[in-house]
C-alpha atoms as a PDB file:
ATOM      1  CA  MET A   1      -0.054   0.026  -0.076  1.00  0.00           C
ATOM      2  CA  ASP A   2       1.322   3.554  -0.893  1.00  0.00           C
ATOM      3  CA  ARG A   3       1.950   5.912   1.868  1.00  0.00           C
ATOM      4  CA  ILE A   4      -0.761   8.400   2.309  1.00  0.00           C
ATOM      5  CA  LEU A   5       0.472  11.968   2.936  1.00  0.00           C
ATOM      6  CA  ALA A   6      -0.965  14.101   5.677  1.00  0.00           C
ATOM      7  CA  PRO A   7      -2.672  17.355   4.688  1.00  0.00           C
ATOM      8  CA  ALA A   8      -0.554  20.556   4.749  1.00  0.00           C
ATOM      9  CA  PRO A   9      -0.582  22.333   8.142  1.00  0.00           C
ATOM     10  CA  PHE A  10      -3.717  24.555   8.611  1.00  0.00           C
ATOM     11  CA  LEU A  11      -1.889  27.394  10.396  1.00  0.00           C
ATOM     12  CA  GLN A  12       1.963  27.081  10.079  1.00  0.00           C
ATOM     13  CA  THR A  13       2.595  30.800  10.418  1.00  0.00           C
ATOM     14  CA  ALA A  14       0.776  33.673  12.054  1.00  0.00           C
ATOM     15  CA  GLY A  15      -1.852  35.529  10.134  1.00  0.00           C
ATOM     16  CA  THR A  16      -4.549  34.282   7.870  1.00  0.00           C
ATOM     17  CA  PRO A  17      -4.649  30.598   7.048  1.00  0.00           C
ATOM     18  CA  PRO A  18      -3.619  29.870   3.495  1.00  0.00           C
ATOM     19  CA  VAL A  19      -6.792  27.737   3.008  1.00  0.00           C
ATOM     20  CA  ASP A  20     -10.189  28.354   4.623  1.00  0.00           C
ATOM     21  CA  TRP A  21     -11.152  26.121   7.577  1.00  0.00           C
ATOM     22  CA  GLN A  22     -14.056  24.208   6.021  1.00  0.00           C
ATOM     23  CA  THR A  23     -11.875  22.987   3.078  1.00  0.00           C
ATOM     24  CA  TRP A  24      -8.997  22.026   5.354  1.00  0.00           C
ATOM     25  CA  LYS A  25     -11.284  20.183   7.681  1.00  0.00           C
ATOM     26  CA  GLU A  26     -12.740  18.253   4.860  1.00  0.00           C
ATOM     27  CA  THR A  27      -9.134  17.457   3.576  1.00  0.00           C
ATOM     28  CA  PHE A  28      -8.224  16.271   7.120  1.00  0.00           C
ATOM     29  CA  GLU A  29     -11.241  14.113   7.646  1.00  0.00           C
ATOM     30  CA  ALA A  30     -10.585  12.410   4.199  1.00  0.00           C
ATOM     31  CA  TYR A  31      -7.189  11.929   5.308  1.00  0.00           C
ATOM     32  CA  LEU A  32      -8.341  10.254   8.515  1.00  0.00           C
ATOM     33  CA  GLU A  33     -10.820   8.002   6.457  1.00  0.00           C
ATOM     34  CA  ALA A  34      -7.957   7.137   4.165  1.00  0.00           C
ATOM     35  CA  ILE A  35      -5.673   5.985   6.974  1.00  0.00           C
ATOM     36  CA  GLU A  36      -8.651   4.267   8.696  1.00  0.00           C
ATOM     37  CA  GLY A  37      -8.916   6.810  11.388  1.00  0.00           C
ATOM     38  CA  ASP A  38     -12.513   5.550  12.255  1.00  0.00           C
ATOM     39  CA  THR A  39     -10.658   2.720  14.247  1.00  0.00           C
ATOM     40  CA  PHE A  40      -8.659   5.265  16.156  1.00  0.00           C
ATOM     41  CA  THR A  41      -9.445   6.377  19.729  1.00  0.00           C
ATOM     42  CA  ALA A  42     -10.709   9.909  20.331  1.00  0.00           C
ATOM     43  CA  LYS A  43      -7.286  10.612  21.902  1.00  0.00           C
ATOM     44  CA  LYS A  44      -5.271   9.476  18.954  1.00  0.00           C
ATOM     45  CA  LYS A  45      -7.558  11.454  16.545  1.00  0.00           C
ATOM     46  CA  LYS A  46      -7.057  14.504  18.873  1.00  0.00           C
ATOM     47  CA  ALA A  47      -3.298  14.004  18.716  1.00  0.00           C
ATOM     48  CA  LEU A  48      -3.352  13.838  14.714  1.00  0.00           C
ATOM     49  CA  LEU A  49      -5.519  17.006  14.653  1.00  0.00           C
ATOM     50  CA  ILE A  50      -3.327  18.971  16.933  1.00  0.00           C
ATOM     51  CA  TYR A  51      -0.192  17.835  15.050  1.00  0.00           C
ATOM     52  CA  ASN A  52      -1.719  18.834  11.748  1.00  0.00           C
ATOM     53  CA  LEU A  53      -2.867  22.203  12.910  1.00  0.00           C
ATOM     54  CA  GLY A  54       0.749  23.507  12.381  1.00  0.00           C
ATOM     55  CA  THR A  55       2.972  25.655  14.686  1.00  0.00           C
ATOM     56  CA  GLU A  56       0.621  28.636  15.146  1.00  0.00           C
ATOM     57  CA  GLY A  57      -2.523  26.454  14.975  1.00  0.00           C
ATOM     58  CA  ARG A  58      -1.246  24.716  18.114  1.00  0.00           C
ATOM     59  CA  LYS A  59      -1.303  27.997  20.079  1.00  0.00           C
ATOM     60  CA  ILE A  60      -5.010  28.179  19.687  1.00  0.00           C
ATOM     61  CA  PRO A  61      -6.621  27.778  23.161  1.00  0.00           C
ATOM     62  CA  LEU A  62      -8.278  24.310  22.896  1.00  0.00           C
ATOM     63  CA  PRO A  63     -10.382  22.188  25.400  1.00  0.00           C
ATOM     64  CA  LEU A  64      -7.792  20.267  27.120  1.00  0.00           C
ATOM     65  CA  GLU A  65      -9.637  17.318  28.605  1.00  0.00           C
ATOM     66  CA  MET A  66     -12.739  15.329  28.264  1.00  0.00           C
ATOM     67  CA  VAL A  67     -15.651  16.821  29.792  1.00  0.00           C
ATOM     68  CA  SER A  68     -18.112  14.282  31.821  1.00  0.00           C
ATOM     69  CA  SER A  69     -21.543  14.994  32.662  1.00  0.00           C
ATOM     70  CA  LEU A  70     -23.943  13.245  35.193  1.00  0.00           C
ATOM     71  CA  THR A  71     -27.390  12.731  33.891  1.00  0.00           C
ATOM     72  CA  VAL A  72     -30.403  11.074  35.574  1.00  0.00           C
ATOM     73  CA  ASP A  73     -33.005   9.348  33.469  1.00  0.00           C
ATOM     74  CA  GLU A  74     -36.665   8.928  34.087  1.00  0.00           C
ATOM     75  CA  ASP A  75     -36.209   5.889  36.438  1.00  0.00           C
ATOM     76  CA  GLY A  76     -33.682   7.775  38.568  1.00  0.00           C
ATOM     77  CA  VAL A  77     -30.665   5.833  37.219  1.00  0.00           C
ATOM     78  CA  GLU A  78     -27.439   7.963  36.929  1.00  0.00           C
ATOM     79  CA  SER A  79     -25.291   7.791  33.970  1.00  0.00           C
ATOM     80  CA  THR A  80     -22.152   9.402  33.003  1.00  0.00           C
ATOM     81  CA  SER A  81     -21.651  10.634  29.530  1.00  0.00           C
ATOM     82  CA  THR A  82     -18.257  11.785  28.131  1.00  0.00           C
ATOM     83  CA  VAL A  83     -17.781  14.350  25.301  1.00  0.00           C
ATOM     84  CA  ASP A  84     -15.415  13.223  22.624  1.00  0.00           C
ATOM     85  CA  GLU A  85     -12.186  15.165  22.824  1.00  0.00           C
ATOM     86  CA  TYR A  86     -11.797  15.317  19.083  1.00  0.00           C
ATOM     87  CA  ALA A  87     -15.341  16.466  18.426  1.00  0.00           C
ATOM     88  CA  SER A  88     -14.940  19.144  21.260  1.00  0.00           C
ATOM     89  CA  ILE A  89     -11.784  20.584  19.445  1.00  0.00           C
ATOM     90  CA  ILE A  90     -13.490  20.493  16.072  1.00  0.00           C
ATOM     91  CA  SER A  91     -16.357  22.168  17.333  1.00  0.00           C
ATOM     92  CA  THR A  92     -14.016  24.844  18.942  1.00  0.00           C
ATOM     93  CA  LEU A  93     -12.339  25.466  15.692  1.00  0.00           C
ATOM     94  CA  ASP A  94     -15.488  25.548  13.713  1.00  0.00           C
ATOM     95  CA  LYS A  95     -16.707  28.433  16.041  1.00  0.00           C
ATOM     96  CA  ARG A  96     -13.249  30.287  15.669  1.00  0.00           C
ATOM     97  CA  PHE A  97     -12.844  29.881  11.947  1.00  0.00           C
ATOM     98  CA  ASN A  98     -16.401  29.725  10.529  1.00  0.00           C
ATOM     99  CA  PRO A  99     -17.624  33.173  11.762  1.00  0.00           C
ATOM    100  CA  ARG A 100     -21.318  33.935  11.390  1.00  0.00           C
ATOM    101  CA  LYS A 101     -22.301  35.681   8.167  1.00  0.00           C
ATOM    102  CA  ASN A 102     -24.445  38.655   7.750  1.00  0.00           C
ATOM    103  CA  ILE A 103     -27.024  37.301   5.273  1.00  0.00           C
ATOM    104  CA  VAL A 104     -28.216  40.698   4.053  1.00  0.00           C
ATOM    105  CA  LEU A 105     -24.536  41.792   3.223  1.00  0.00           C
ATOM    106  CA  GLU A 106     -23.765  38.428   1.617  1.00  0.00           C
ATOM    107  CA  ARG A 107     -26.876  38.639  -0.542  1.00  0.00           C
ATOM    108  CA  HIS A 108     -25.889  42.214  -1.518  1.00  0.00           C
ATOM    109  CA  LYS A 109     -22.360  40.950  -2.587  1.00  0.00           C
ATOM    110  CA  PHE A 110     -23.829  38.113  -4.643  1.00  0.00           C
ATOM    111  CA  LEU A 111     -26.233  40.308  -6.425  1.00  0.00           C
ATOM    112  CA  GLN A 112     -23.306  42.844  -7.098  1.00  0.00           C
ATOM    113  CA  ARG A 113     -21.172  40.062  -8.622  1.00  0.00           C
ATOM    114  CA  THR A 114     -20.553  40.649 -12.394  1.00  0.00           C
ATOM    115  CA  GLN A 115     -18.401  38.672 -14.751  1.00  0.00           C
ATOM    116  CA  ILE A 116     -14.958  39.989 -14.713  1.00  0.00           C
ATOM    117  CA  PRO A 117     -13.317  40.887 -18.193  1.00  0.00           C
ATOM    118  CA  GLY A 118     -11.415  37.848 -19.447  1.00  0.00           C
ATOM    119  CA  GLU A 119     -13.377  35.568 -17.095  1.00  0.00           C
ATOM    120  CA  SER A 120     -14.958  32.517 -18.791  1.00  0.00           C
ATOM    121  CA  ILE A 121     -18.683  32.041 -18.316  1.00  0.00           C
ATOM    122  CA  ASP A 122     -17.737  28.571 -16.796  1.00  0.00           C
ATOM    123  CA  ASP A 123     -15.677  30.267 -14.201  1.00  0.00           C
ATOM    124  CA  PHE A 124     -18.112  32.900 -13.522  1.00  0.00           C
ATOM    125  CA  VAL A 125     -20.871  30.456 -12.885  1.00  0.00           C
ATOM    126  CA  VAL A 126     -18.622  28.387 -10.749  1.00  0.00           C
ATOM    127  CA  ALA A 127     -17.764  31.395  -8.566  1.00  0.00           C
ATOM    128  CA  LEU A 128     -21.602  32.076  -8.234  1.00  0.00           C
ATOM    129  CA  VAL A 129     -22.090  28.468  -7.199  1.00  0.00           C
ATOM    130  CA  ARG A 130     -19.425  28.538  -4.534  1.00  0.00           C
ATOM    131  CA  TRP A 131     -20.790  31.731  -3.021  1.00  0.00           C
END
């Protein structure tokens, strides 16, 4: 089997990431699937994620440990549930790098988008679809 290369680090240097978070996350999840990451523990997936965040990415404050919560069901039976560390970190990064968008502003920018001179119709349509 060929060696599968890990994705490029998300945030190697300070500043704006070279690729948007959603694209990088999809690439990382595809990488995990390719190396059969579904068989890994949450702790190992967390370690791989933190390693692949890059030098500056590792400086982002992340949840450090698993959070346990005690719940009582209808019969009065107590149970403890643990939040997955990997999912918790992904959620934190989603909140940080996927800011909420102003729908009115985004609609305005979309409606103002015109075809740039020299831009093919295919490229223009693709840009609109990706909006």
